Protein backbone atom coordinates (compact mmCIF):
# COMPACT_ATOMS: atom_id res chain seq x y z
CA MET A 1 -55.90 -22.20 -33.02
CA ARG A 2 -58.95 -24.30 -32.13
CA GLY A 3 -57.39 -27.76 -32.32
CA LEU A 4 -54.07 -27.04 -30.59
CA PHE A 5 -55.64 -24.68 -28.06
CA PHE A 6 -58.21 -27.32 -27.13
CA LYS A 7 -55.51 -29.95 -26.53
CA ILE A 8 -53.46 -27.66 -24.31
CA PHE A 9 -56.53 -26.53 -22.39
CA VAL A 10 -57.66 -30.11 -21.70
CA ILE A 11 -54.20 -31.23 -20.56
CA PHE A 12 -53.72 -28.28 -18.22
CA TRP A 13 -57.27 -28.62 -16.85
CA ILE A 14 -56.77 -32.30 -16.04
CA ALA A 15 -53.36 -31.65 -14.48
CA GLN A 16 -54.59 -28.80 -12.28
CA SER A 17 -57.63 -30.83 -11.20
CA LEU A 18 -55.43 -33.77 -10.21
CA ILE A 19 -53.08 -31.54 -8.24
CA PHE A 20 -56.00 -29.88 -6.41
CA VAL A 21 -57.80 -33.12 -5.56
CA ILE A 22 -54.71 -35.02 -4.40
CA SER A 23 -53.31 -32.10 -2.39
CA THR A 24 -56.65 -31.46 -0.68
CA ALA A 25 -57.05 -35.12 0.24
CA LEU A 26 -53.54 -35.33 1.67
CA ILE A 27 -53.95 -32.15 3.69
CA LEU A 28 -57.29 -33.19 5.17
CA GLN A 29 -56.18 -36.73 5.89
CA HIS A 30 -52.72 -36.19 7.34
CA ARG A 31 -52.38 -32.62 8.49
CA PHE A 32 -55.51 -31.89 10.59
CA PRO A 33 -56.38 -34.41 13.35
CA ARG A 34 -60.06 -35.02 13.97
CA PRO A 35 -61.61 -33.02 16.87
CA ASP A 36 -62.72 -36.18 18.68
CA VAL A 37 -59.06 -36.99 19.43
CA PHE A 38 -58.94 -34.09 21.89
CA PHE A 39 -62.35 -34.89 23.36
CA ASP A 40 -61.34 -38.50 23.98
CA LEU A 41 -58.33 -37.27 25.96
CA ALA A 42 -60.36 -34.75 28.00
CA PHE A 43 -63.54 -36.68 28.76
CA LYS A 44 -62.22 -40.22 29.07
CA SER A 45 -58.57 -40.28 30.06
CA LEU A 46 -58.58 -37.54 32.74
CA PRO A 47 -61.77 -38.66 34.61
CA ASN A 48 -60.44 -42.21 34.75
CA GLU A 49 -57.09 -41.00 36.04
CA ALA A 50 -58.87 -38.84 38.64
CA ARG A 51 -60.81 -41.84 39.99
CA ASP A 52 -57.65 -43.94 40.14
CA SER A 53 -55.86 -41.20 42.06
CA LEU A 54 -58.74 -40.91 44.54
CA HIS A 55 -58.79 -44.67 45.10
CA ALA A 56 -55.03 -44.63 45.79
CA TYR A 57 -55.52 -41.78 48.27
CA GLU A 58 -58.38 -43.54 50.06
CA ALA A 59 -56.41 -46.77 50.23
CA GLY A 60 -53.06 -45.43 51.43
CA GLY A 61 -53.33 -41.70 51.99
CA CYS A 62 -50.86 -39.15 50.71
CA THR A 63 -48.07 -41.73 50.52
CA ALA A 64 -50.04 -43.87 48.11
CA LEU A 65 -51.08 -40.79 46.10
CA ARG A 66 -47.45 -39.67 45.69
CA ALA A 67 -46.44 -43.20 44.69
CA TYR A 68 -49.19 -43.22 42.07
CA ALA A 69 -48.01 -39.85 40.68
CA ASP A 70 -44.37 -41.00 40.57
CA ALA A 71 -45.35 -44.20 38.82
CA HIS A 72 -47.09 -42.25 36.06
CA GLY A 73 -44.50 -39.47 35.94
CA GLN A 74 -47.11 -36.73 36.29
CA ALA A 75 -47.68 -33.77 38.61
CA ILE A 76 -51.07 -34.66 40.08
CA ALA A 77 -52.81 -33.64 43.28
CA LEU A 78 -56.17 -33.79 45.12
CA ALA A 79 -57.86 -30.71 46.48
CA ASP A 80 -60.87 -30.45 48.77
CA GLU A 81 -63.95 -28.37 48.12
CA THR A 82 -62.08 -25.18 49.10
CA GLY A 83 -59.30 -25.80 46.56
CA THR A 84 -56.68 -26.73 49.18
CA ASP A 85 -54.25 -29.61 48.58
CA VAL A 86 -55.25 -32.47 50.93
CA CYS A 87 -51.63 -33.52 51.40
CA SER A 88 -49.61 -30.29 51.53
CA GLY A 89 -52.32 -27.84 52.64
CA ALA A 90 -51.34 -25.40 49.87
CA LYS A 91 -53.97 -23.44 48.04
CA LEU A 92 -54.29 -24.91 44.55
CA LEU A 93 -57.40 -23.15 43.22
CA ASP A 94 -58.89 -19.72 43.85
CA ASP A 95 -62.52 -20.69 43.27
CA GLN A 96 -64.78 -23.71 43.42
CA LYS A 97 -66.65 -23.25 40.18
CA SER A 98 -65.44 -26.51 38.87
CA THR A 99 -67.18 -28.41 41.68
CA GLN A 100 -70.52 -27.18 40.43
CA PHE A 101 -70.26 -29.23 37.25
CA PRO A 102 -69.72 -32.92 37.99
CA ASN A 103 -67.73 -34.80 35.32
CA HIS A 104 -66.76 -31.52 33.64
CA VAL A 105 -63.16 -31.15 32.61
CA THR A 106 -61.65 -27.66 32.60
CA GLY A 107 -58.25 -26.31 31.78
CA ARG A 108 -56.68 -23.03 32.84
CA GLN A 109 -53.27 -21.41 32.69
CA PHE A 110 -51.61 -20.19 35.89
CA GLY A 111 -48.32 -18.47 35.23
CA GLN A 112 -46.00 -20.90 33.44
CA GLU A 113 -48.24 -23.90 34.12
CA TYR A 114 -51.37 -25.25 32.52
CA ILE A 115 -53.69 -27.03 35.00
CA TRP A 116 -56.44 -29.49 34.14
CA THR A 117 -59.12 -29.95 36.81
CA VAL A 118 -61.67 -32.77 37.16
CA PRO A 119 -64.35 -32.99 39.93
CA VAL A 120 -64.39 -36.44 41.54
CA VAL A 121 -66.54 -37.93 44.38
CA SER A 122 -65.25 -40.50 46.84
CA THR A 123 -67.07 -43.61 48.03
CA ALA A 124 -68.04 -41.68 51.18
CA ASN A 125 -69.72 -39.13 48.90
CA ARG A 126 -67.05 -36.55 49.62
CA GLN A 127 -66.13 -34.19 46.78
CA TYR A 128 -62.56 -33.63 45.63
CA ILE A 129 -60.92 -31.83 42.73
CA PHE A 130 -58.29 -33.74 40.79
CA THR A 131 -55.58 -31.51 39.26
CA LEU A 132 -53.04 -32.32 36.58
CA SER A 133 -50.41 -29.66 35.87
CA GLN A 134 -48.09 -29.40 32.87
CA PRO A 135 -45.46 -26.73 32.23
CA HIS A 136 -46.53 -24.27 29.58
CA THR A 137 -43.62 -23.29 27.29
CA GLN A 138 -43.76 -21.28 24.07
CA GLU A 139 -42.91 -23.47 21.13
CA GLN A 140 -39.85 -22.28 19.24
CA ARG A 141 -40.44 -22.58 15.51
CA VAL A 142 -38.38 -21.40 12.56
CA TRP A 143 -39.88 -19.94 9.40
CA TYR A 144 -39.43 -23.02 7.23
CA GLN A 145 -41.03 -25.54 9.60
CA ASP A 146 -44.56 -24.65 8.55
CA LEU A 147 -43.47 -24.73 4.92
CA LEU A 148 -42.04 -28.23 5.33
CA HIS A 149 -45.09 -29.28 7.34
CA PHE A 150 -47.51 -28.48 4.53
CA ALA A 151 -45.22 -29.03 1.52
CA PHE A 152 -44.75 -32.77 1.97
CA PRO A 153 -46.12 -34.81 0.25
CA GLN A 154 -48.17 -32.18 -1.59
CA LEU A 155 -45.13 -30.57 -3.26
CA PRO A 156 -43.66 -33.84 -4.67
CA VAL A 157 -47.10 -34.76 -6.01
CA ALA A 158 -47.44 -31.36 -7.69
CA ILE A 159 -43.95 -31.67 -9.18
CA ALA A 160 -44.70 -35.17 -10.50
CA VAL A 161 -48.01 -34.17 -12.07
CA GLY A 162 -46.54 -30.95 -13.47
CA GLY A 163 -43.54 -32.82 -14.88
CA ALA A 164 -45.77 -35.38 -16.59
CA THR A 165 -47.90 -32.58 -18.02
CA THR A 166 -44.84 -30.74 -19.32
CA PHE A 167 -43.51 -33.94 -20.89
CA VAL A 168 -46.77 -34.51 -22.76
CA LEU A 169 -46.81 -30.90 -23.98
CA VAL A 170 -43.18 -31.16 -25.11
CA LEU A 171 -44.04 -34.24 -27.15
CA ILE A 172 -47.02 -32.47 -28.71
CA PHE A 173 -44.92 -29.48 -29.74
CA THR A 174 -41.51 -30.94 -30.57
CA ARG A 175 -42.26 -34.12 -32.53
CA PRO A 176 -43.96 -32.44 -35.51
CA VAL A 177 -41.46 -29.56 -35.39
CA ILE A 178 -38.53 -32.01 -35.51
CA ARG A 179 -40.03 -33.74 -38.56
CA LEU A 180 -40.54 -30.38 -40.28
CA ARG A 181 -36.98 -29.25 -39.47
CA ARG A 182 -35.52 -32.48 -40.84
CA ALA A 183 -37.51 -32.10 -44.07
CA ALA A 184 -36.57 -28.41 -44.34
CA ARG A 185 -32.86 -29.27 -44.08
CA GLU A 186 -33.22 -31.89 -46.80
CA LEU A 187 -35.01 -29.34 -48.97
CA ALA A 188 -32.28 -26.77 -48.37
CA HIS A 189 -29.63 -29.33 -49.42
CA GLY A 190 -31.32 -29.75 -52.78
CA ASN A 191 -33.49 -32.80 -52.15
CA LEU A 192 -36.66 -31.39 -53.70
CA ASN A 193 -38.65 -34.62 -53.47
CA VAL A 194 -38.60 -34.70 -49.67
CA ARG A 195 -42.02 -34.80 -47.98
CA VAL A 196 -43.28 -34.95 -44.40
CA HIS A 197 -45.44 -38.01 -43.70
CA GLU A 198 -49.17 -37.32 -43.59
CA PRO A 199 -51.69 -40.02 -42.58
CA SER A 200 -53.98 -40.87 -45.46
CA ARG A 201 -57.08 -41.28 -43.27
CA GLU A 202 -59.31 -38.42 -42.28
CA PRO A 203 -58.02 -36.83 -39.04
CA SER A 204 -60.12 -37.09 -35.90
CA PHE A 205 -61.15 -34.10 -33.82
CA PHE A 206 -58.13 -34.44 -31.54
CA GLU A 207 -55.71 -34.83 -34.49
CA ARG A 208 -56.97 -31.77 -36.34
CA ASP A 209 -54.55 -29.01 -35.28
CA GLU A 210 -52.21 -26.36 -36.65
CA PHE A 211 -49.19 -28.68 -36.94
CA ARG A 212 -51.10 -30.97 -39.27
CA GLY A 213 -52.08 -27.96 -41.37
CA LEU A 214 -48.46 -26.77 -41.38
CA THR A 215 -47.31 -30.21 -42.56
CA HIS A 216 -49.82 -30.11 -45.40
CA ASP A 217 -48.71 -26.60 -46.41
CA PHE A 218 -45.04 -27.63 -46.29
CA ASN A 219 -45.64 -30.62 -48.57
CA HIS A 220 -47.63 -28.43 -50.96
CA MET A 221 -44.79 -25.88 -50.99
CA ALA A 222 -42.21 -28.61 -51.66
CA GLU A 223 -44.26 -30.01 -54.53
CA ARG A 224 -44.68 -26.56 -56.05
CA LEU A 225 -40.99 -25.78 -55.64
CA GLU A 226 -39.97 -29.09 -57.22
CA SER A 227 -42.25 -28.52 -60.22
CA LEU A 228 -40.94 -24.97 -60.75
CA VAL A 229 -37.29 -26.01 -60.51
CA ASN A 230 -37.83 -28.96 -62.84
CA ALA A 231 -39.63 -26.70 -65.30
CA GLN A 232 -36.75 -24.22 -65.14
CA ARG A 233 -34.18 -26.94 -65.75
CA LEU A 234 -36.18 -28.31 -68.64
CA LEU A 235 -36.59 -24.87 -70.16
CA LEU A 236 -32.87 -24.15 -69.78
CA ARG A 237 -31.93 -27.42 -71.43
CA ASP A 238 -34.42 -27.07 -74.26
CA VAL A 239 -33.43 -23.48 -75.01
CA SER A 240 -29.75 -24.41 -74.99
CA HIS A 241 -30.39 -27.27 -77.42
CA GLU A 242 -32.47 -25.07 -79.69
CA LEU A 243 -29.76 -22.39 -79.81
CA ARG A 244 -27.09 -24.82 -80.96
CA SER A 245 -28.53 -25.21 -84.48
CA PRO A 246 -28.84 -21.44 -85.23
CA LEU A 247 -25.31 -20.94 -83.91
CA ALA A 248 -23.98 -23.64 -86.21
CA ARG A 249 -25.73 -22.04 -89.18
CA LEU A 250 -24.44 -18.62 -88.10
CA SER A 251 -20.86 -19.93 -88.10
CA VAL A 252 -21.27 -21.27 -91.64
CA ALA A 253 -22.80 -17.99 -92.79
CA LEU A 254 -19.94 -16.10 -91.17
CA GLU A 255 -17.34 -18.08 -93.13
CA LEU A 256 -19.23 -17.45 -96.35
CA ALA A 257 -19.41 -13.74 -95.51
CA ARG A 258 -15.63 -13.61 -95.03
CA GLU A 259 -15.10 -14.77 -98.60
CA ASP A 260 -17.34 -12.06 -100.11
CA ALA A 261 -16.66 -9.21 -97.64
CA ALA A 262 -14.44 -6.26 -98.31
CA PRO A 263 -11.18 -5.97 -96.33
CA GLU A 264 -12.56 -3.15 -94.15
CA MET A 265 -15.26 -5.56 -92.83
CA ALA A 266 -12.71 -7.93 -91.29
CA THR A 267 -12.81 -6.17 -87.91
CA HIS A 268 -16.58 -6.42 -87.65
CA LEU A 269 -16.63 -10.04 -88.79
CA GLY A 270 -13.97 -10.89 -86.22
CA ARG A 271 -16.12 -9.32 -83.53
CA ILE A 272 -19.10 -11.41 -84.66
CA GLU A 273 -16.95 -14.53 -84.57
CA ARG A 274 -15.75 -13.87 -81.00
CA GLU A 275 -19.25 -13.20 -79.74
CA THR A 276 -20.52 -16.34 -81.47
CA GLU A 277 -17.79 -18.41 -79.89
CA ARG A 278 -18.55 -16.90 -76.47
CA LEU A 279 -22.24 -17.70 -76.89
CA ASN A 280 -21.38 -21.23 -77.97
CA GLN A 281 -19.26 -21.73 -74.85
CA LEU A 282 -22.04 -20.37 -72.65
CA ILE A 283 -24.54 -22.81 -74.16
CA GLY A 284 -22.10 -25.63 -73.56
CA GLN A 285 -21.79 -24.63 -69.92
CA LEU A 286 -25.55 -24.39 -69.55
CA LEU A 287 -26.00 -27.87 -70.98
CA THR A 288 -23.32 -29.17 -68.63
CA LEU A 289 -24.97 -27.52 -65.62
CA SER A 290 -28.39 -28.81 -66.64
CA SER A 291 -27.15 -32.37 -66.99
CA MET A 292 -25.34 -32.18 -63.64
CA GLU A 293 -28.42 -30.83 -61.87
CA ALA A 294 -30.32 -33.88 -63.06
CA ILE A 295 -27.73 -36.21 -61.48
CA GLU A 296 -28.69 -37.21 -57.94
CA ALA A 297 -25.50 -39.19 -57.29
CA ILE A 298 -22.51 -40.57 -59.15
CA ASP A 299 -23.04 -44.24 -59.95
CA THR A 300 -19.42 -45.33 -60.27
CA PHE A 301 -16.39 -43.91 -58.47
CA GLU A 302 -12.80 -44.41 -59.47
CA GLN A 303 -9.56 -43.67 -57.68
CA VAL A 304 -8.45 -40.22 -58.84
CA PRO A 305 -5.00 -38.90 -57.79
CA LEU A 306 -5.49 -35.15 -57.32
CA ASN A 307 -1.83 -34.37 -57.88
CA GLU A 308 -1.88 -36.12 -61.24
CA LEU A 309 -5.12 -34.35 -62.21
CA VAL A 310 -3.71 -30.90 -61.36
CA ALA A 311 -0.45 -31.66 -63.15
CA GLN A 312 -2.41 -32.64 -66.25
CA MET A 313 -4.34 -29.37 -66.15
CA THR A 314 -1.39 -27.06 -65.40
CA PRO A 315 0.11 -26.73 -68.95
CA ASP A 316 -3.17 -25.47 -70.42
CA ALA A 317 -3.59 -23.13 -67.46
CA GLN A 318 -0.03 -21.82 -67.94
CA TYR A 319 -0.75 -21.08 -71.57
CA GLU A 320 -3.96 -19.19 -70.78
CA ALA A 321 -2.25 -17.30 -67.94
CA ALA A 322 0.56 -16.21 -70.26
CA GLN A 323 -2.00 -14.53 -72.53
CA ARG A 324 -2.93 -12.23 -69.60
CA GLY A 325 0.63 -11.64 -68.44
CA CYS A 326 0.42 -13.77 -65.27
CA SER A 327 1.73 -17.17 -64.19
CA ILE A 328 0.74 -20.35 -62.32
CA VAL A 329 2.50 -21.45 -59.11
CA LEU A 330 1.81 -25.00 -57.88
CA GLN A 331 2.45 -25.95 -54.23
CA GLU A 332 2.15 -29.69 -53.58
CA GLU A 333 2.37 -30.34 -49.85
CA SER A 334 0.83 -33.83 -49.88
CA ASP A 335 -0.31 -36.55 -52.22
CA CYS A 336 -3.91 -37.66 -51.98
CA VAL A 337 -6.24 -39.96 -53.86
CA ILE A 338 -9.98 -39.33 -53.78
CA ALA A 339 -12.93 -41.36 -55.04
CA GLY A 340 -14.86 -39.66 -57.81
CA ASN A 341 -15.46 -39.00 -61.49
CA ARG A 342 -12.25 -37.93 -63.19
CA GLN A 343 -13.93 -35.91 -65.93
CA LEU A 344 -16.16 -33.94 -63.55
CA LEU A 345 -13.28 -33.27 -61.16
CA TYR A 346 -11.02 -32.09 -63.97
CA ARG A 347 -13.67 -29.73 -65.30
CA ALA A 348 -14.38 -28.32 -61.80
CA LEU A 349 -10.72 -27.64 -60.99
CA GLU A 350 -10.18 -26.15 -64.45
CA ASN A 351 -13.10 -23.75 -63.95
CA ILE A 352 -11.69 -22.60 -60.61
CA VAL A 353 -8.22 -21.98 -62.06
CA ARG A 354 -9.57 -20.23 -65.17
CA ASN A 355 -11.75 -18.05 -62.97
CA ALA A 356 -8.69 -17.03 -60.93
CA ILE A 357 -6.70 -16.32 -64.13
CA ARG A 358 -9.54 -14.17 -65.44
CA PHE A 359 -9.60 -11.87 -62.39
CA THR A 360 -5.99 -11.80 -61.18
CA ASN A 361 -3.90 -8.69 -61.82
CA SER A 362 -1.52 -8.64 -64.74
CA GLY A 363 2.00 -9.62 -63.72
CA SER A 364 0.81 -11.57 -60.65
CA ALA A 365 0.67 -15.31 -60.00
CA VAL A 366 -2.24 -17.66 -59.46
CA GLU A 367 -1.33 -20.05 -56.63
CA ILE A 368 -2.61 -23.64 -56.53
CA ARG A 369 -2.07 -25.39 -53.21
CA LEU A 370 -2.58 -29.12 -52.63
CA ALA A 371 -2.55 -30.29 -49.02
CA MET A 372 -4.01 -32.85 -46.68
CA GLU A 373 -5.82 -32.12 -43.39
CA GLN A 374 -6.79 -34.37 -40.53
CA ASN A 375 -10.47 -34.27 -39.53
CA GLY A 376 -10.77 -36.54 -36.53
CA ALA A 377 -10.11 -40.07 -37.77
CA ALA A 378 -10.67 -39.06 -41.40
CA GLN A 379 -8.32 -37.31 -43.81
CA ASN A 380 -9.35 -34.67 -46.31
CA ALA A 381 -7.73 -33.41 -49.47
CA VAL A 382 -7.61 -29.62 -49.74
CA VAL A 383 -7.27 -27.65 -52.96
CA GLU A 384 -6.87 -23.87 -52.66
CA VAL A 385 -6.69 -21.59 -55.70
CA SER A 386 -5.69 -17.99 -54.88
CA ASP A 387 -5.50 -14.95 -57.14
CA ARG A 388 -4.21 -11.38 -56.76
CA GLY A 389 -7.33 -9.64 -58.00
CA PRO A 390 -9.66 -7.11 -56.38
CA GLY A 391 -11.24 -9.72 -54.10
CA ILE A 392 -14.92 -10.40 -53.37
CA PRO A 393 -17.22 -8.35 -51.11
CA GLU A 394 -17.69 -10.18 -47.83
CA ALA A 395 -21.49 -10.16 -48.16
CA GLU A 396 -21.30 -11.95 -51.53
CA LEU A 397 -18.76 -14.69 -50.78
CA SER A 398 -21.42 -17.41 -50.61
CA ALA A 399 -23.42 -16.06 -53.58
CA ILE A 400 -20.74 -16.41 -56.23
CA PHE A 401 -21.54 -20.12 -56.63
CA ARG A 402 -25.08 -19.41 -57.84
CA PRO A 403 -25.72 -19.63 -61.60
CA PHE A 404 -25.34 -16.32 -63.49
CA TYR A 405 -24.32 -14.41 -60.37
CA ARG A 406 -21.83 -11.63 -61.00
CA VAL A 407 -20.15 -9.52 -58.34
CA ASP A 408 -19.45 -6.76 -60.85
CA ARG A 409 -21.36 -7.06 -64.11
CA ALA A 410 -19.20 -4.58 -66.00
CA ARG A 411 -15.99 -6.29 -64.86
CA SER A 412 -17.42 -9.72 -65.70
CA GLN A 413 -18.34 -8.64 -69.19
CA ASP A 414 -14.84 -7.29 -69.76
CA THR A 415 -13.27 -10.55 -68.65
CA GLY A 416 -15.80 -12.76 -70.41
CA GLY A 417 -17.33 -14.33 -67.31
CA SER A 418 -20.89 -15.63 -67.46
CA GLY A 419 -21.35 -16.81 -63.86
CA VAL A 420 -21.92 -20.47 -64.76
CA GLY A 421 -18.47 -21.99 -64.19
CA LEU A 422 -18.51 -21.75 -60.39
CA ALA A 423 -22.07 -23.11 -60.32
CA ILE A 424 -20.73 -26.22 -62.13
CA VAL A 425 -17.94 -26.42 -59.54
CA ASP A 426 -20.45 -26.22 -56.70
CA ARG A 427 -22.56 -29.05 -58.11
CA THR A 428 -19.49 -31.23 -58.73
CA VAL A 429 -18.22 -30.75 -55.19
CA LYS A 430 -21.63 -31.69 -53.73
CA LEU A 431 -21.76 -34.85 -55.85
CA HIS A 432 -18.37 -35.81 -54.38
CA HIS A 433 -19.48 -35.08 -50.79
CA GLY A 434 -17.03 -32.23 -50.49
CA GLU A 435 -17.14 -28.64 -49.25
CA LEU A 436 -16.70 -25.47 -51.29
CA SER A 437 -16.01 -22.01 -49.85
CA ALA A 438 -14.43 -18.68 -50.74
CA PHE A 439 -12.62 -16.05 -48.67
CA ASN A 440 -10.49 -12.97 -49.21
CA ARG A 441 -6.76 -12.92 -48.64
CA LYS A 442 -5.30 -10.45 -46.15
CA ASP A 443 -2.75 -9.18 -48.65
CA GLY A 444 -5.27 -8.86 -51.51
CA GLY A 445 -7.09 -11.22 -53.79
CA ALA A 446 -9.46 -14.11 -53.17
CA THR A 447 -9.10 -17.83 -52.46
CA ILE A 448 -11.49 -20.61 -53.42
CA ARG A 449 -11.10 -23.64 -51.17
CA VAL A 450 -12.29 -27.15 -52.01
CA VAL A 451 -12.22 -30.02 -49.50
CA PHE A 452 -12.69 -33.66 -50.59
CA PRO A 453 -12.66 -36.77 -48.37
CA CYS A 454 -9.58 -38.82 -49.12
CA ALA A 455 -9.92 -42.38 -50.33
CA LYS A 456 -6.25 -43.21 -49.82
CA THR A 457 -3.21 -41.15 -48.81
CA ALA A 458 0.29 -41.54 -50.06
CA HIS A 459 3.54 -40.34 -48.56
CA SER A 460 3.80 -36.64 -47.76
CA SER A 461 6.45 -34.45 -49.28
CA ASN A 462 7.31 -30.82 -48.89
CA VAL A 463 7.96 -29.02 -52.13
């Protein structure tokens, strides 16, 4: 975790340092006035105002002093050395300590008033005490005022820095993960040659982290997976080709053996012939699947009417169904033309129908339904093939389209299934950009549903 941990640590350290420095500067600059502001008010403003008041009193007496106080809108007065108001004769102060310190400003609270006193000397060298009184009221504050007082602008700054930090971290984490997810989806869809881009140059210290290592491991895994799958396909194709020649010679030898064999050997030779034919069909299916796996996309598409394709396949399906004592029921709800390869589509639909015939109960019917569904602005052709068999376990509905997968091996061997036909169907549907699924019917049996995008729709008819 050294590379990624180092990046996160550096980003968080820088962000926290910025928040601390900016918040501290804002608090010190805007929230705490300098002490000299109060000293300027006490030692400069009040002594000057005391001298002005004394001059007004000396020039015009109490009338001039009251006019001066009214003009400034303040409750001011002059007291003599005993603390008595020179105009009203009321006792203003209880002591004369303030007169002992010339030019010294004091402030004291008396009841609900706060009184500032300043000693002042007249031109006749007579001492007075200037008083300035202000009502003292308890400030009413609510709980959130202090929070608002100290939260702005520190809180917006912290949110901005924290948001920028989070955005950078999100980019660091999500961008490589998104690239890996996109490549993983492509790999899951069968694109084995997908790779995540890796810079060819040697990574720097800040680029050397766990995501880069994960990208390298993912590409190595994809390469290994592609080589194994390609080797498996090549082995399957080569083995299938190599088995064709011995099977052909075995068929010739079997015919020669029939001519020289005794009548009681006919049953055994017939069994050998059936098993040979079954093995020959399996090899043919394997070669078909191998060739289809090698196809990345269909080069040329033609207009294929699904109704015509199903109608062409139905007589052969009816014949095979009659051998098992069942029938075919065709329900054509709509006509639809799709773009695709006629041969591949015919083989895929035939495999689905033959699979349903193989597993349906004797005396029942295999239902083929052709319909059209609206998907937003697009139209899709739907083919559903339903049987009346034992159904498929819910946990294995998506697994039946894998090669050689059998829900019940004993039952598959009795019916002759090899587990390759539906794998061919799955590959064909993917090449035609369709969807393949299976589900169980409520009244018994299973349904295989194929959805193809329509190339052109014809008139709808209810049959």
